């Protein structure tokens, strides 16, 4: 499967010079960035998670670890 893209062939593409590429002025300028697009977001807390969800997650982790330890003790007996 040796097919070439005819759009990049210098013989078929106008103003494309071999081994040089696209001449200056043929490409649009680079993006400035997207950090300043849209309204300012004021409800975005910069602090970490609140205490409630963190405590709930740790409780589930502790229950899972306790279950695994109890299961291992029961299996090894």
N, C-alpha and C. Protein backbone atom coordinates (compact mmCIF):
# COMPACT_ATOMS: atom_id res chain seq x y z
N UNK A 1 0.85 -1.17 0.00
CA UNK A 1 0.00 0.00 0.00
C UNK A 1 0.90 1.23 0.00
N UNK A 2 1.25 1.69 -1.17
CA UNK A 2 2.16 2.81 -1.31
C UNK A 2 1.43 3.97 -1.98
N UNK A 3 0.47 4.53 -1.29
CA UNK A 3 -0.28 5.65 -1.85
C UNK A 3 0.23 6.94 -1.24
N UNK A 4 0.39 7.94 -2.07
CA UNK A 4 0.82 9.24 -1.58
C UNK A 4 -0.36 10.18 -1.56
N UNK A 5 -0.33 11.10 -0.66
CA UNK A 5 -1.37 12.11 -0.58
C UNK A 5 -1.10 13.15 -1.66
N UNK A 6 -1.99 13.30 -2.65
CA UNK A 6 -1.72 14.26 -3.73
C UNK A 6 -1.72 15.71 -3.26
N UNK A 7 -2.28 15.99 -2.10
CA UNK A 7 -2.31 17.37 -1.62
C UNK A 7 -0.93 17.85 -1.20
N UNK A 8 -0.02 16.93 -0.87
CA UNK A 8 1.32 17.35 -0.45
C UNK A 8 2.35 17.20 -1.56
N UNK A 9 1.92 16.86 -2.75
CA UNK A 9 2.83 16.73 -3.87
C UNK A 9 3.23 18.12 -4.37
N UNK A 10 4.53 18.48 -4.36
CA UNK A 10 4.92 19.83 -4.80
C UNK A 10 4.58 20.13 -6.25
N UNK A 11 4.47 19.09 -7.08
CA UNK A 11 4.13 19.33 -8.49
C UNK A 11 2.67 19.72 -8.66
N UNK A 12 1.82 19.31 -7.73
CA UNK A 12 0.38 19.58 -7.86
C UNK A 12 -0.11 20.70 -6.95
N UNK A 13 0.65 21.05 -5.93
CA UNK A 13 0.22 22.07 -4.98
C UNK A 13 0.82 23.41 -5.39
N UNK A 14 -0.02 24.43 -5.55
CA UNK A 14 0.52 25.73 -5.96
C UNK A 14 1.36 26.34 -4.84
N UNK A 15 2.45 26.96 -5.21
CA UNK A 15 3.34 27.71 -4.34
C UNK A 15 4.01 26.87 -3.26
N UNK A 16 4.02 25.54 -3.41
CA UNK A 16 4.72 24.67 -2.47
C UNK A 16 6.04 24.26 -3.10
N UNK A 17 7.12 24.63 -2.47
CA UNK A 17 8.44 24.35 -3.02
C UNK A 17 8.98 23.05 -2.42
N UNK A 18 9.62 22.22 -3.24
CA UNK A 18 10.15 20.96 -2.72
C UNK A 18 11.23 21.20 -1.67
N UNK A 19 11.18 20.43 -0.60
CA UNK A 19 12.14 20.45 0.50
C UNK A 19 12.15 21.77 1.27
N UNK A 20 11.21 22.64 1.03
CA UNK A 20 11.16 23.91 1.75
C UNK A 20 9.90 23.99 2.59
N UNK A 21 8.79 23.54 2.05
CA UNK A 21 7.53 23.60 2.78
C UNK A 21 6.70 24.78 2.34
N UNK A 22 5.86 25.23 3.20
CA UNK A 22 4.94 26.31 2.90
C UNK A 22 5.66 27.64 3.09
N UNK A 23 5.56 28.55 2.12
CA UNK A 23 6.23 29.84 2.27
C UNK A 23 5.57 30.69 3.36
N UNK A 24 6.31 31.61 3.97
CA UNK A 24 5.73 32.47 5.01
C UNK A 24 4.55 33.26 4.47
N UNK A 25 3.58 33.45 5.29
CA UNK A 25 2.39 34.19 4.89
C UNK A 25 1.28 33.31 4.39
N UNK A 26 1.54 32.04 4.16
CA UNK A 26 0.52 31.12 3.66
C UNK A 26 -0.25 30.44 4.80
N UNK A 27 0.26 30.52 6.01
CA UNK A 27 -0.41 29.90 7.14
C UNK A 27 -0.97 30.97 8.06
N UNK A 28 -2.07 30.69 8.74
CA UNK A 28 -2.63 31.68 9.66
C UNK A 28 -1.74 31.82 10.90
N UNK A 29 -1.85 32.94 11.60
CA UNK A 29 -1.04 33.12 12.82
C UNK A 29 -1.47 32.13 13.90
N UNK A 30 -0.59 31.90 14.82
CA UNK A 30 -0.87 30.95 15.91
C UNK A 30 -1.93 31.51 16.84
N UNK A 31 -2.59 30.61 17.56
CA UNK A 31 -3.59 31.02 18.53
C UNK A 31 -2.93 31.76 19.68
N UNK A 32 -3.66 32.71 20.23
CA UNK A 32 -3.18 33.44 21.39
C UNK A 32 -3.32 32.60 22.65
N UNK A 33 -4.34 31.79 22.70
CA UNK A 33 -4.63 30.98 23.87
C UNK A 33 -6.11 31.06 24.18
N UNK A 34 -6.56 30.16 25.01
CA UNK A 34 -7.97 30.12 25.34
C UNK A 34 -8.23 30.46 26.80
N UNK A 35 -7.23 30.96 27.50
CA UNK A 35 -7.40 31.22 28.93
C UNK A 35 -8.34 32.39 29.20
N UNK A 36 -8.45 33.31 28.31
CA UNK A 36 -9.28 34.49 28.54
C UNK A 36 -10.59 34.47 27.77
N UNK A 37 -11.02 33.31 27.30
CA UNK A 37 -12.29 33.24 26.59
C UNK A 37 -13.40 32.95 27.58
N UNK A 38 -14.49 33.61 27.45
CA UNK A 38 -15.64 33.36 28.31
C UNK A 38 -15.62 34.21 29.56
N UNK A 39 -16.71 34.12 30.31
CA UNK A 39 -16.81 34.94 31.53
C UNK A 39 -15.89 34.41 32.63
N UNK A 40 -15.60 35.28 33.57
CA UNK A 40 -14.76 34.89 34.70
C UNK A 40 -15.53 33.96 35.61
N UNK A 41 -14.93 32.86 35.98
CA UNK A 41 -15.59 31.88 36.83
C UNK A 41 -15.26 32.20 38.29
N UNK A 42 -16.28 32.58 39.04
CA UNK A 42 -16.05 32.97 40.43
C UNK A 42 -16.34 31.84 41.41
N UNK A 43 -17.14 30.84 41.03
CA UNK A 43 -17.43 29.74 41.94
C UNK A 43 -16.57 28.55 41.57
N UNK A 44 -15.31 28.67 41.83
CA UNK A 44 -14.37 27.57 41.62
C UNK A 44 -13.44 27.55 42.81
N UNK A 45 -13.82 26.80 43.85
CA UNK A 45 -13.00 26.82 45.07
C UNK A 45 -11.59 26.32 44.80
N UNK A 46 -10.61 27.06 45.30
CA UNK A 46 -9.22 26.69 45.08
C UNK A 46 -8.71 25.75 46.15
N UNK A 47 -9.43 25.62 47.24
CA UNK A 47 -9.01 24.71 48.30
C UNK A 47 -9.38 23.29 47.90
N UNK A 48 -8.85 22.33 48.64
CA UNK A 48 -9.10 20.93 48.34
C UNK A 48 -10.53 20.53 48.61
N UNK A 49 -10.73 19.23 48.67
CA UNK A 49 -12.07 18.70 48.91
C UNK A 49 -12.53 19.11 50.30
N UNK A 50 -13.83 19.16 50.45
CA UNK A 50 -14.36 19.45 51.79
C UNK A 50 -14.18 18.22 52.67
N UNK A 51 -14.36 18.40 53.96
CA UNK A 51 -14.10 17.32 54.91
C UNK A 51 -15.10 16.18 54.77
N UNK A 52 -16.36 16.49 54.47
CA UNK A 52 -17.40 15.46 54.40
C UNK A 52 -17.11 14.36 53.39
N UNK A 53 -16.93 14.68 52.12
CA UNK A 53 -16.65 13.62 51.14
C UNK A 53 -15.35 12.87 51.43
N UNK A 54 -14.35 13.57 51.95
CA UNK A 54 -13.09 12.90 52.27
C UNK A 54 -13.28 11.88 53.38
N UNK A 55 -14.05 12.22 54.40
CA UNK A 55 -14.32 11.29 55.51
C UNK A 55 -15.10 10.08 55.01
N UNK A 56 -16.09 10.31 54.16
CA UNK A 56 -16.89 9.20 53.63
C UNK A 56 -16.01 8.26 52.80
N UNK A 57 -15.14 8.80 51.99
CA UNK A 57 -14.26 7.96 51.18
C UNK A 57 -13.33 7.15 52.08
N UNK A 58 -12.76 7.77 53.11
CA UNK A 58 -11.88 7.04 54.01
C UNK A 58 -12.63 5.97 54.79
N UNK A 59 -13.90 6.21 55.12
CA UNK A 59 -14.69 5.17 55.79
C UNK A 59 -14.88 3.96 54.88
N UNK A 60 -15.18 4.20 53.62
CA UNK A 60 -15.32 3.09 52.67
C UNK A 60 -13.99 2.34 52.51
N UNK A 61 -12.90 3.06 52.47
CA UNK A 61 -11.59 2.42 52.36
C UNK A 61 -11.31 1.57 53.60
N UNK A 62 -11.61 2.10 54.78
CA UNK A 62 -11.39 1.35 56.02
C UNK A 62 -12.26 0.10 56.07
N UNK A 63 -13.52 0.21 55.64
CA UNK A 63 -14.40 -0.96 55.62
C UNK A 63 -13.88 -2.01 54.63
N UNK A 64 -13.40 -1.57 53.50
CA UNK A 64 -12.87 -2.50 52.50
C UNK A 64 -11.63 -3.22 53.03
N UNK A 65 -10.74 -2.47 53.68
CA UNK A 65 -9.53 -3.07 54.24
C UNK A 65 -9.89 -4.06 55.34
N UNK A 66 -10.86 -3.70 56.19
CA UNK A 66 -11.29 -4.60 57.26
C UNK A 66 -11.88 -5.88 56.67
N UNK A 67 -12.67 -5.76 55.62
CA UNK A 67 -13.24 -6.94 54.97
C UNK A 67 -12.13 -7.82 54.40
N UNK A 68 -11.15 -7.22 53.74
CA UNK A 68 -10.06 -7.99 53.14
C UNK A 68 -9.24 -8.71 54.21
N UNK A 69 -8.97 -8.03 55.33
CA UNK A 69 -8.21 -8.65 56.41
C UNK A 69 -9.00 -9.80 57.01
N UNK A 70 -10.30 -9.59 57.26
CA UNK A 70 -11.14 -10.65 57.83
C UNK A 70 -11.22 -11.83 56.88
N UNK A 71 -11.34 -11.57 55.61
CA UNK A 71 -11.40 -12.65 54.62
C UNK A 71 -10.09 -13.43 54.58
N UNK A 72 -8.96 -12.71 54.63
CA UNK A 72 -7.65 -13.38 54.60
C UNK A 72 -7.45 -14.22 55.85
N UNK A 73 -7.87 -13.72 57.01
CA UNK A 73 -7.74 -14.48 58.25
C UNK A 73 -8.59 -15.74 58.17
N UNK A 74 -9.79 -15.63 57.63
CA UNK A 74 -10.69 -16.78 57.53
C UNK A 74 -10.15 -17.82 56.55
N UNK A 75 -9.57 -17.38 55.46
CA UNK A 75 -9.06 -18.30 54.45
C UNK A 75 -7.80 -19.01 54.97
N UNK A 76 -6.95 -18.30 55.68
CA UNK A 76 -5.69 -18.88 56.15
C UNK A 76 -5.87 -19.79 57.36
N UNK A 77 -7.02 -19.80 57.96
CA UNK A 77 -7.25 -20.66 59.13
C UNK A 77 -7.39 -22.07 58.77
